[in-house]
């Protein structure tokens, strides 16, 4: 009787006729724990920000607490830190956290800094409690700490009702700007502009947003910063909010004529304005009057690479006379090498890199779930869809893989077994940052691919590779999706074409 029931539950029929072996509902459950099957492992060696269930940007913040002496904290002891009210919502009990007196701005606990690492055990209205797993060897104490979230990030829509979009998986990126929230710092040049520091509540819930106030001179009103990298393409982002004026503009030169790469944003009404031919722009509402302004350029065009952020009194206007009091509030500037924006990386005295998110199922957990002979996968996700982006990959060394991915023109299924390969296309692209459902089914000489309920594409010639791991949101040679996985299901049966079409409807 036990054997028969086990067979039924594992896909031989009865209670689980489709052979569902993995059911991950990241958006609904906000946890890595699978409803069915193995729970993935996750790692990221740096902290990372995300939008929490209150619509706030969290993940790295200055935590103020009573004085802590790390060397006196025993492994397994608990430490509580205070953060901005409401900003803890969306963090996950059990996940990794770091507490660092970050003297070099690199977000990596080193031998010369005070630090504690641990796992979250309790979350209060404005507190996090974590159990210590390791500590610095340095002696000393401090009362002001950088708090970093190193666990999986369950990203949310930043406006009401803050719906969870799923597990955020991003490639490694670097914010090349210094002092990304401190525009009053000398690292930011000022042209006919006064910076009123810490004058408004920022998108992370702290009073760290700065107001740019144009002078009464008839001129451009700008803050600017130079970077050292010359890679391309670049994407520039800043969070902005109207406060008397409602237009800002970017320029990618800063050392030559400013007529080639300008672009404008209306941060009162949330629309983009004029953009030069080299600039691709977008704007996203972040709630509470905040917008994230995004511009991508193919390259910086003249002289030393830099970014100008200007205040304007209208679209396509770069010079005007201010009134000396009206302005625009900004926060969280970022320049990253890449054709699209990723999550915000706060910086201070140095540029800072966020490491890649890695989510996988390996070893006995994978082999106990996966059927090498036949199966099916269903994923609900969204991605910037720039270039090749792997959504989910089952792989092994020597070029063997079963991959669901997007390309610049289509959703695809690649099945590679040594030198033989199946490469199928949905025939239409996935729209950037738009949720989609993608499913495939595989069996010897019997493959199918469908997207958003369209009739499946099929291939009746191809072998199935033997694989030993599943990578969520990435695959061979990186190609990370840089978006969110809402849900992922794996079936130990080659579901029918009609079934996978229905599942993606």
Protein backbone atom coordinates (compact mmCIF):
# COMPACT_ATOMS: atom_id res chain seq x y z
CA UNK A 1 0.00 0.00 0.00
CA UNK A 2 2.81 2.43 0.86
CA UNK A 3 4.53 1.66 -2.45
CA UNK A 4 1.37 2.22 -4.44
CA UNK A 5 0.63 5.53 -2.72
CA UNK A 6 4.21 6.68 -3.24
CA UNK A 7 3.98 5.93 -6.95
CA UNK A 8 0.76 7.91 -7.18
CA UNK A 9 2.24 10.94 -5.46
CA UNK A 10 5.40 10.88 -7.58
CA UNK A 11 3.75 10.87 -10.94
CA UNK A 12 2.55 7.36 -11.69
CA UNK A 13 -1.05 8.60 -11.79
CA UNK A 14 -3.78 9.14 -9.24
CA UNK A 15 -3.16 12.27 -7.18
CA UNK A 16 -0.39 13.59 -9.46
CA UNK A 17 -1.13 12.44 -13.03
CA UNK A 18 1.15 15.05 -14.65
CA UNK A 19 4.16 14.03 -12.57
CA UNK A 20 4.66 17.46 -10.98
CA UNK A 21 8.05 17.16 -9.24
CA UNK A 22 8.93 20.80 -8.52
CA UNK A 23 6.59 23.65 -7.64
CA UNK A 24 8.22 26.98 -6.74
CA UNK A 25 5.79 29.86 -6.19
CA UNK A 26 8.19 32.71 -5.51
CA UNK A 27 5.72 35.58 -5.94
CA UNK A 28 2.94 34.02 -3.89
CA UNK A 29 5.07 32.53 -1.11
CA UNK A 30 8.04 34.98 -0.95
CA UNK A 31 10.32 32.12 -0.02
CA UNK A 32 12.65 29.66 -1.71
CA UNK A 33 10.86 26.77 0.00
CA UNK A 34 9.20 24.61 -2.65
CA UNK A 35 5.56 23.58 -2.37
CA UNK A 36 6.64 20.32 -3.95
CA UNK A 37 10.12 19.00 -4.57
CA UNK A 38 13.53 20.27 -3.46
CA UNK A 39 14.20 23.80 -2.23
CA UNK A 40 16.89 25.60 -4.25
CA UNK A 41 20.09 26.90 -2.73
CA UNK A 42 20.95 30.59 -3.11
CA UNK A 43 24.09 32.69 -2.85
CA UNK A 44 25.26 36.25 -3.47
CA UNK A 45 28.54 37.48 -2.01
CA UNK A 46 27.46 41.11 -1.68
CA UNK A 47 24.34 42.82 -0.41
CA UNK A 48 21.64 43.79 -2.88
CA UNK A 49 18.66 46.13 -2.87
CA UNK A 50 15.07 45.37 -3.84
CA UNK A 51 11.59 46.86 -3.48
CA UNK A 52 9.87 45.51 -0.38
CA UNK A 53 6.20 44.97 0.43
CA UNK A 54 5.87 48.62 1.54
CA UNK A 55 7.18 49.89 -1.78
CA UNK A 56 10.48 50.94 -0.20
CA UNK A 57 13.95 50.23 -1.59
CA UNK A 58 15.73 48.11 1.00
CA UNK A 59 18.70 45.77 1.24
CA UNK A 60 21.56 48.06 2.20
CA UNK A 61 21.21 50.80 4.77
CA UNK A 62 22.94 52.54 7.61
CA UNK A 63 21.66 50.73 10.70
CA UNK A 64 21.73 52.72 13.93
CA UNK A 65 21.75 50.69 17.11
CA UNK A 66 23.33 50.57 20.54
CA UNK A 67 27.09 50.05 20.54
CA UNK A 68 28.15 46.57 19.43
CA UNK A 69 31.51 44.93 20.09
CA UNK A 70 31.73 42.07 17.56
CA UNK A 71 34.57 40.24 19.29
CA UNK A 72 32.36 39.67 22.33
CA UNK A 73 29.52 38.14 20.31
CA UNK A 74 29.62 34.36 20.49
CA UNK A 75 28.67 32.30 17.46
CA UNK A 76 24.95 31.61 17.80
CA UNK A 77 24.23 34.73 19.84
CA UNK A 78 21.57 37.17 18.65
CA UNK A 79 21.99 40.84 17.70
CA UNK A 80 19.21 43.36 17.07
CA UNK A 81 19.67 46.45 14.89
CA UNK A 82 17.32 49.35 14.20
CA UNK A 83 16.53 50.46 10.66
CA UNK A 84 14.13 52.90 9.00
CA UNK A 85 10.54 52.29 10.06
CA UNK A 86 8.76 50.04 7.58
CA UNK A 87 11.87 49.19 5.60
CA UNK A 88 12.14 45.67 7.06
CA UNK A 89 8.93 44.47 5.43
CA UNK A 90 9.85 42.07 2.64
CA UNK A 91 13.05 40.82 4.21
CA UNK A 92 13.01 37.08 4.90
CA UNK A 93 13.53 35.18 8.14
CA UNK A 94 16.35 32.67 7.81
CA UNK A 95 18.26 34.58 5.14
CA UNK A 96 21.78 35.96 5.29
CA UNK A 97 22.65 39.41 6.56
CA UNK A 98 25.85 41.39 7.12
CA UNK A 99 26.63 44.13 9.62
CA UNK A 100 29.80 46.04 8.72
CA UNK A 101 31.63 49.22 9.67
CA UNK A 102 32.40 49.63 5.99
CA UNK A 103 35.60 51.65 5.88
CA UNK A 104 36.48 50.93 2.25
CA UNK A 105 33.00 51.06 0.71
CA UNK A 106 33.32 47.61 -0.85
CA UNK A 107 30.61 45.78 1.09
CA UNK A 108 32.93 42.86 1.82
CA UNK A 109 33.88 41.95 5.39
CA UNK A 110 37.67 42.09 5.57
CA UNK A 111 40.37 41.73 8.19
CA UNK A 112 40.62 45.47 8.86
CA UNK A 113 36.94 46.13 9.53
CA UNK A 114 34.43 45.45 12.26
CA UNK A 115 31.75 43.04 11.04
CA UNK A 116 29.26 40.35 11.92
CA UNK A 117 27.54 37.87 9.59
CA UNK A 118 24.38 35.97 10.45
CA UNK A 119 20.88 34.85 9.55
CA UNK A 120 17.67 36.74 10.28
CA UNK A 121 15.63 35.19 13.12
CA UNK A 122 13.07 37.93 13.86
CA UNK A 123 11.64 41.04 12.22
CA UNK A 124 10.01 43.92 14.11
CA UNK A 125 8.38 47.15 12.98
CA UNK A 126 11.78 48.78 12.59
CA UNK A 127 14.21 46.13 13.82
CA UNK A 128 16.01 43.06 12.52
CA UNK A 129 17.39 40.37 14.80
CA UNK A 130 19.95 37.93 13.46
CA UNK A 131 21.88 34.97 14.80
CA UNK A 132 25.64 35.39 14.46
CA UNK A 133 27.38 32.88 12.17
CA UNK A 134 30.82 34.55 11.97
CA UNK A 135 32.61 37.66 13.23
CA UNK A 136 35.66 39.84 12.76
CA UNK A 137 38.91 39.26 14.61
CA UNK A 138 39.36 43.02 15.03
CA UNK A 139 38.77 44.48 18.47
CA UNK A 140 36.64 47.56 19.05
CA UNK A 141 33.01 48.66 19.00
CA UNK A 142 30.77 50.98 16.99
CA UNK A 143 27.20 52.28 17.06
CA UNK A 144 26.72 53.03 13.36
CA UNK A 145 26.77 50.11 10.93
CA UNK A 146 26.09 49.34 7.28
CA UNK A 147 23.38 46.70 7.16
CA UNK A 148 23.41 44.48 4.05
CA UNK A 149 20.90 41.87 2.88
CA UNK A 150 22.62 38.89 1.27
CA UNK A 151 19.67 36.54 0.84
CA UNK A 152 17.25 36.07 -2.06
CA UNK A 153 15.37 39.21 -3.02
CA UNK A 154 11.61 39.05 -3.54
CA UNK A 155 10.98 42.17 -5.57
CA UNK A 156 7.68 44.10 -5.54
CA UNK A 157 5.78 46.53 -7.66
CA UNK A 158 6.72 49.88 -6.07
CA UNK A 159 3.19 51.30 -6.19
CA UNK A 160 -0.05 50.13 -4.55
CA UNK A 161 -0.74 47.32 -3.87
CA UNK A 162 3.00 46.45 -3.88
CA UNK A 163 2.36 43.11 -5.58
CA UNK A 164 5.29 40.71 -5.37
CA UNK A 165 6.89 40.14 -8.77
CA UNK A 166 8.91 37.11 -7.66
CA UNK A 167 12.52 36.14 -7.08
CA UNK A 168 14.90 38.77 -8.44
CA UNK A 169 17.88 37.30 -10.31
CA UNK A 170 20.49 39.74 -11.64
CA UNK A 171 23.96 39.58 -13.12
CA UNK A 172 26.88 41.33 -11.47
CA UNK A 173 26.85 45.09 -12.06
CA UNK A 174 28.92 48.03 -10.78
CA UNK A 175 27.69 51.50 -9.89
CA UNK A 176 30.52 53.63 -11.30
CA UNK A 177 29.37 56.77 -9.48
CA UNK A 178 30.72 57.74 -6.07
CA UNK A 179 28.50 59.21 -3.34
CA UNK A 180 25.35 58.10 -5.12
CA UNK A 181 23.08 59.69 -2.48
CA UNK A 182 25.26 62.64 -1.44
CA UNK A 183 25.06 65.27 -4.17
CA UNK A 184 26.40 67.89 -1.78
CA UNK A 185 29.73 66.02 -1.76
CA UNK A 186 32.68 67.55 -3.57
CA UNK A 187 32.67 64.52 -5.89
CA UNK A 188 29.66 66.16 -7.56
CA UNK A 189 30.38 69.37 -9.46
CA UNK A 190 27.78 72.14 -9.28
CA UNK A 191 26.88 74.63 -11.97
CA UNK A 192 24.53 77.43 -10.89
CA UNK A 193 22.89 74.96 -8.53
CA UNK A 194 22.64 74.73 -4.75
CA UNK A 195 22.25 71.31 -3.13
CA UNK A 196 20.07 71.18 -0.02
CA UNK A 197 21.23 67.92 1.57
CA UNK A 198 18.90 65.45 3.32
CA UNK A 199 15.85 67.64 2.75
CA UNK A 200 13.24 64.98 1.90
CA UNK A 201 12.26 61.36 2.53
CA UNK A 202 13.89 59.11 -0.06
CA UNK A 203 12.49 55.97 -1.74
CA UNK A 204 14.13 53.88 1.02
CA UNK A 205 12.15 55.65 3.76
CA UNK A 206 15.12 57.61 5.13
CA UNK A 207 15.57 61.38 5.03
CA UNK A 208 18.51 61.27 2.64
CA UNK A 209 17.12 62.81 -0.56
CA UNK A 210 18.69 66.08 -1.76
CA UNK A 211 17.02 69.09 -3.37
CA UNK A 212 18.65 70.71 -6.39
CA UNK A 213 17.85 74.45 -6.42
CA UNK A 214 18.69 76.39 -9.61
CA UNK A 215 20.18 79.87 -9.16
CA UNK A 216 18.57 83.01 -10.59
CA UNK A 217 21.20 83.15 -13.34
CA UNK A 218 20.10 82.38 -16.90
CA UNK A 219 22.20 79.29 -17.42
CA UNK A 220 22.25 75.51 -17.16
CA UNK A 221 21.64 74.23 -13.61
CA UNK A 222 23.56 71.00 -13.16
CA UNK A 223 25.27 68.55 -10.83
CA UNK A 224 27.87 66.38 -12.52
CA UNK A 225 30.23 63.52 -11.79
CA UNK A 226 33.17 62.04 -13.66
CA UNK A 227 33.73 58.29 -13.99
CA UNK A 228 36.88 56.44 -14.99
CA UNK A 229 35.50 53.53 -17.01
CA UNK A 230 35.14 53.80 -20.77
CA UNK A 231 33.06 50.70 -21.45
CA UNK A 232 29.84 50.90 -23.43
CA UNK A 233 26.90 50.82 -23.57
CA UNK A 234 26.00 52.69 -20.41
CA UNK A 235 22.75 53.07 -18.49
CA UNK A 236 22.21 56.04 -16.20
CA UNK A 237 19.44 56.17 -13.58
CA UNK A 238 18.35 58.56 -10.86
CA UNK A 239 15.29 58.79 -8.62
CA UNK A 240 13.60 62.18 -8.89
CA UNK A 241 10.58 64.06 -7.52
CA UNK A 242 9.15 67.46 -8.43
CA UNK A 243 9.49 70.30 -5.91
CA UNK A 244 8.68 73.50 -7.75
CA UNK A 245 10.12 72.39 -11.10
CA UNK A 246 9.15 69.10 -12.67
CA UNK A 247 11.69 68.51 -15.42
CA UNK A 248 15.19 67.03 -15.22
CA UNK A 249 17.60 66.19 -18.00
CA UNK A 250 20.64 63.97 -18.44
CA UNK A 251 23.65 64.44 -20.63
CA UNK A 252 26.41 61.89 -21.18
CA UNK A 253 29.22 64.27 -22.16
CA UNK A 254 29.93 66.88 -19.54
CA UNK A 255 33.18 67.93 -21.15
CA UNK A 256 32.03 69.21 -24.52
CA UNK A 257 29.05 70.70 -26.29
CA UNK A 258 25.84 69.46 -24.66
CA UNK A 259 23.73 69.14 -27.79
CA UNK A 260 24.26 65.50 -28.70
CA UNK A 261 23.04 63.21 -25.95
CA UNK A 262 20.45 65.10 -23.91
CA UNK A 263 17.19 63.59 -22.70
CA UNK A 264 14.37 65.02 -20.57
CA UNK A 265 12.01 63.58 -17.94
CA UNK A 266 8.82 65.02 -16.45
CA UNK A 267 9.00 63.91 -12.81
CA UNK A 268 5.61 65.32 -11.91
CA UNK A 269 3.55 63.50 -14.53
CA UNK A 270 5.85 60.52 -15.03
CA UNK A 271 6.54 60.83 -18.75
CA UNK A 272 9.69 61.06 -20.83
CA UNK A 273 10.35 64.13 -22.93
CA UNK A 274 12.69 64.88 -25.80
CA UNK A 275 15.58 62.47 -26.27
CA UNK A 276 18.45 62.72 -28.74
CA UNK A 277 18.99 59.92 -31.22
CA UNK A 278 21.74 58.27 -29.17
CA UNK A 279 19.60 58.05 -26.02
CA UNK A 280 16.96 55.44 -25.13
CA UNK A 281 14.81 56.57 -22.20
CA UNK A 282 12.10 55.30 -19.85
CA UNK A 283 10.54 56.36 -16.56
CA UNK A 284 9.02 54.24 -13.77
CA UNK A 285 6.75 55.33 -10.95
CA UNK A 286 8.11 54.43 -7.51
CA UNK A 287 5.16 55.77 -5.51
CA UNK A 288 4.88 58.85 -3.28
CA UNK A 289 5.67 61.14 -6.20
CA UNK A 290 9.01 59.47 -6.96
CA UNK A 291 10.08 58.31 -10.43
CA UNK A 292 13.15 56.38 -11.57
CA UNK A 293 14.48 58.04 -14.71
CA UNK A 294 16.47 55.75 -17.02
CA UNK A 295 18.62 56.55 -20.03
CA UNK A 296 20.86 54.18 -22.00
CA UNK A 297 23.60 55.38 -24.35
CA UNK A 298 25.76 53.45 -26.75
CA UNK A 299 28.86 55.21 -25.40
CA UNK A 300 30.11 58.41 -23.86
CA UNK A 301 31.06 60.54 -26.80
CA UNK A 302 33.73 63.10 -25.90
CA UNK A 303 36.50 63.69 -23.40
CA UNK A 304 36.45 62.22 -19.92
CA UNK A 305 33.25 60.21 -19.35
CA UNK A 306 30.82 61.98 -17.04
CA UNK A 307 27.15 62.44 -16.36
CA UNK A 308 25.25 65.70 -15.97
CA UNK A 309 21.92 65.83 -14.15
CA UNK A 310 20.17 69.12 -14.83
CA UNK A 311 17.02 70.84 -13.58
CA UNK A 312 14.69 72.44 -16.13
CA UNK A 313 11.49 74.46 -16.28
CA UNK A 314 10.23 72.63 -19.37
CA UNK A 315 10.82 69.95 -21.97
CA UNK A 316 13.84 70.41 -24.24
CA UNK A 317 15.07 73.39 -22.21
CA UNK A 318 18.54 73.19 -20.70
CA UNK A 319 19.10 76.88 -19.81
CA UNK A 320 16.78 79.18 -17.86
CA UNK A 321 16.74 81.53 -14.89
CA UNK A 322 15.58 79.88 -11.67
CA UNK A 323 13.76 81.61 -8.82
CA UNK A 324 16.25 80.55 -6.17
CA UNK A 325 13.80 78.41 -4.17
CA UNK A 326 12.06 75.98 -6.52
CA UNK A 327 13.83 72.80 -7.52
CA UNK A 328 13.78 69.04 -7.98
CA UNK A 329 14.52 66.37 -5.35
CA UNK A 330 16.87 63.56 -6.40
CA UNK A 331 18.35 60.42 -4.83
CA UNK A 332 20.18 57.25 -5.81
CA UNK A 333 22.17 58.04 -8.96
CA UNK A 334 23.72 55.13 -10.84
CA UNK A 335 25.84 54.55 -13.94
CA UNK A 336 26.34 50.93 -14.95
CA UNK A 337 27.86 49.29 -17.99
CA UNK A 338 24.94 47.64 -19.76
CA UNK A 339 22.06 48.34 -22.09
CA UNK A 340 19.38 48.35 -19.36
CA UNK A 341 19.03 49.28 -15.69
CA UNK A 342 19.36 46.89 -12.77
CA UNK A 343 18.57 47.38 -9.09
CA UNK A 344 20.10 50.31 -7.24
CA UNK A 345 23.64 49.91 -5.80
CA UNK A 346 24.32 52.55 -3.09
CA UNK A 347 27.87 53.91 -2.99
CA UNK A 348 29.97 56.22 -0.85
CA UNK A 349 33.68 56.95 -1.43
CA UNK A 350 34.23 54.28 -4.09
CA UNK A 351 32.42 52.62 -6.96
CA UNK A 352 30.76 49.41 -5.81
CA UNK A 353 29.95 46.06 -7.42
CA UNK A 354 26.91 43.94 -6.64
CA UNK A 355 27.70 40.27 -7.22
CA UNK A 356 25.45 37.97 -9.24
CA UNK A 357 22.48 36.13 -7.77
CA UNK A 358 22.93 32.36 -7.99
CA UNK A 359 19.93 30.05 -7.46
CA UNK A 360 20.27 26.34 -8.21
CA UNK A 361 19.22 22.76 -7.49
CA UNK A 362 22.11 20.30 -7.59
CA UNK A 363 23.28 16.89 -6.36
CA UNK A 364 20.81 14.37 -4.97
CA UNK A 365 18.11 17.07 -4.76
CA UNK A 366 18.23 17.42 -8.54
CA UNK A 367 18.66 13.78 -9.50
CA UNK A 368 15.80 12.77 -7.21
CA UNK A 369 13.49 15.23 -8.96
CA UNK A 370 14.54 15.15 -12.60
CA UNK A 371 13.64 12.60 -15.28
CA UNK A 372 16.40 12.34 -17.87
CA UNK A 373 14.19 10.60 -20.43
CA UNK A 374 11.27 13.03 -20.60
CA UNK A 375 9.71 15.99 -18.85
CA UNK A 376 8.32 19.51 -19.07
CA UNK A 377 9.03 22.94 -17.58
CA UNK A 378 6.77 25.95 -17.01
CA UNK A 379 8.06 29.35 -15.94
CA UNK A 380 6.27 32.64 -15.25
CA UNK A 381 8.71 35.55 -15.33
CA UNK A 382 9.76 38.89 -16.72
CA UNK A 383 13.11 40.19 -17.97
CA UNK A 384 14.57 43.21 -19.77
CA UNK A 385 15.00 40.78 -22.71
CA UNK A 386 18.16 42.49 -23.93
CA UNK A 387 20.38 40.04 -25.76
CA UNK A 388 20.32 36.37 -24.75
CA UNK A 389 18.80 35.85 -21.30
CA UNK A 390 18.47 32.37 -19.82
CA UNK A 391 15.29 31.87 -17.81
CA UNK A 392 15.89 28.34 -16.52
CA UNK A 393 18.58 25.82 -17.49
CA UNK A 394 19.14 22.14 -16.76
CA UNK A 395 22.76 21.47 -17.60
CA UNK A 396 25.88 19.34 -17.27
CA UNK A 397 29.52 19.85 -18.32
CA UNK A 398 30.68 19.49 -21.91
CA UNK A 399 27.91 21.57 -23.47
CA UNK A 400 24.89 19.53 -22.43
CA UNK A 401 21.77 21.52 -21.56
CA UNK A 402 18.03 21.99 -21.75
CA UNK A 403 17.43 25.75 -21.63
CA UNK A 404 14.42 28.02 -21.80
CA UNK A 405 15.64 31.46 -22.81
CA UNK A 406 14.81 34.71 -24.51
CA UNK A 407 16.69 36.27 -27.37
CA UNK A 408 16.41 39.68 -28.96
CA UNK A 409 13.68 38.47 -31.31
CA UNK A 410 12.04 35.43 -29.73
CA UNK A 411 11.60 33.04 -26.85
CA UNK A 412 13.61 29.89 -27.43
CA UNK A 413 14.25 26.33 -26.32
CA UNK A 414 17.75 24.96 -26.73
CA UNK A 415 18.49 21.26 -26.19
CA UNK A 416 22.15 20.38 -26.60
CA UNK A 417 23.52 16.85 -26.28
CA UNK A 418 27.19 16.95 -27.15
CA UNK A 419 27.25 17.90 -30.83
CA UNK A 420 23.53 17.47 -31.54
CA UNK A 421 21.18 20.36 -30.86
CA UNK A 422 17.52 21.31 -30.97
CA UNK A 423 16.97 25.07 -31.31
CA UNK A 424 13.35 26.14 -31.36
CA UNK A 425 11.86 29.62 -31.48
CA UNK A 426 8.47 30.98 -30.44
CA UNK A 427 8.70 33.25 -33.48
CA UNK A 428 7.98 36.47 -31.58
CA UNK A 429 9.91 38.54 -29.02
CA UNK A 430 9.15 38.92 -25.33
CA UNK A 431 8.38 42.54 -24.47
CA UNK A 432 10.85 44.06 -22.00
CA UNK A 433 9.68 44.08 -18.38
CA UNK A 434 6.40 42.43 -19.29
CA UNK A 435 5.32 39.25 -17.53
CA UNK A 436 5.24 36.14 -19.74
CA UNK A 437 4.62 32.40 -19.42
CA UNK A 438 6.95 30.04 -21.21
CA UNK A 439 6.78 26.23 -21.30
CA UNK A 440 8.59 23.39 -23.00
CA UNK A 441 8.29 19.60 -23.18
CA UNK A 442 11.05 17.16 -24.10
CA UNK A 443 11.47 13.53 -25.06
CA UNK A 444 13.60 11.69 -27.61
CA UNK A 445 12.63 13.08 -31.04
CA UNK A 446 9.66 14.88 -29.47
CA UNK A 447 10.10 18.51 -28.36
CA UNK A 448 7.67 21.41 -27.98
CA UNK A 449 7.80 25.10 -26.98
CA UNK A 450 5.00 27.56 -26.30
CA UNK A 451 4.63 31.09 -24.94
CA UNK A 452 1.57 32.87 -23.57
CA UNK A 453 -0.89 30.31 -24.86
CA UNK A 454 0.12 30.29 -28.53
CA UNK A 455 0.17 27.04 -30.53
CA UNK A 456 3.40 25.17 -29.64
CA UNK A 457 6.33 24.94 -31.99
CA UNK A 458 7.52 21.32 -32.33
CA UNK A 459 10.62 19.39 -33.36
CA UNK A 460 10.64 15.63 -34.01
CA UNK A 461 14.38 15.12 -34.31
CA UNK A 462 16.81 15.29 -31.42
CA UNK A 463 18.31 13.47 -28.45
CA UNK A 464 17.96 14.35 -24.77
CA UNK A 465 21.14 15.09 -22.78
CA UNK A 466 21.94 13.72 -19.33
CA UNK A 467 22.14 16.72 -17.01
CA UNK A 468 22.90 17.13 -13.30
CA UNK A 469 21.77 20.59 -12.16
CA UNK A 470 19.07 23.22 -12.58
CA UNK A 471 20.00 26.91 -12.64
CA UNK A 472 17.18 29.40 -12.08
CA UNK A 473 17.51 32.66 -13.98
CA UNK A 474 20.87 31.90 -15.56
CA UNK A 475 22.75 29.29 -17.53
CA UNK A 476 25.98 28.49 -19.36
CA UNK A 477 28.42 31.40 -19.65
CA UNK A 478 26.21 33.59 -17.48
CA UNK A 479 23.48 35.17 -19.64
CA UNK A 480 21.56 36.00 -16.46
CA UNK A 481 17.95 37.03 -16.97
CA UNK A 482 18.17 40.21 -14.83
CA UNK A 483 14.48 40.01 -13.95
CA UNK A 484 12.05 38.16 -11.71
CA UNK A 485 10.84 34.57 -11.70
CA UNK A 486 7.28 34.51 -10.39
CA UNK A 487 6.89 30.72 -10.47
CA UNK A 488 8.64 27.63 -11.79
CA UNK A 489 7.28 24.11 -12.23
CA UNK A 490 8.96 20.96 -13.47
CA UNK A 491 7.12 17.78 -14.53
CA UNK A 492 8.61 14.30 -14.86
CA UNK A 493 6.40 13.60 -17.88
CA UNK A 494 6.43 14.86 -21.44
CA UNK A 495 3.16 16.79 -21.20
CA UNK A 496 1.09 17.04 -24.34
CA UNK A 497 1.31 20.06 -26.60
CA UNK A 498 -2.24 20.99 -25.69
CA UNK A 499 -1.39 20.79 -21.97
CA UNK A 500 1.61 23.10 -22.10
CA UNK A 501 -0.35 25.54 -24.27
CA UNK A 502 -3.11 25.61 -21.62
CA UNK A 503 -0.58 26.06 -18.80
CA UNK A 504 0.79 29.23 -20.42
CA UNK A 505 -2.61 30.79 -21.12
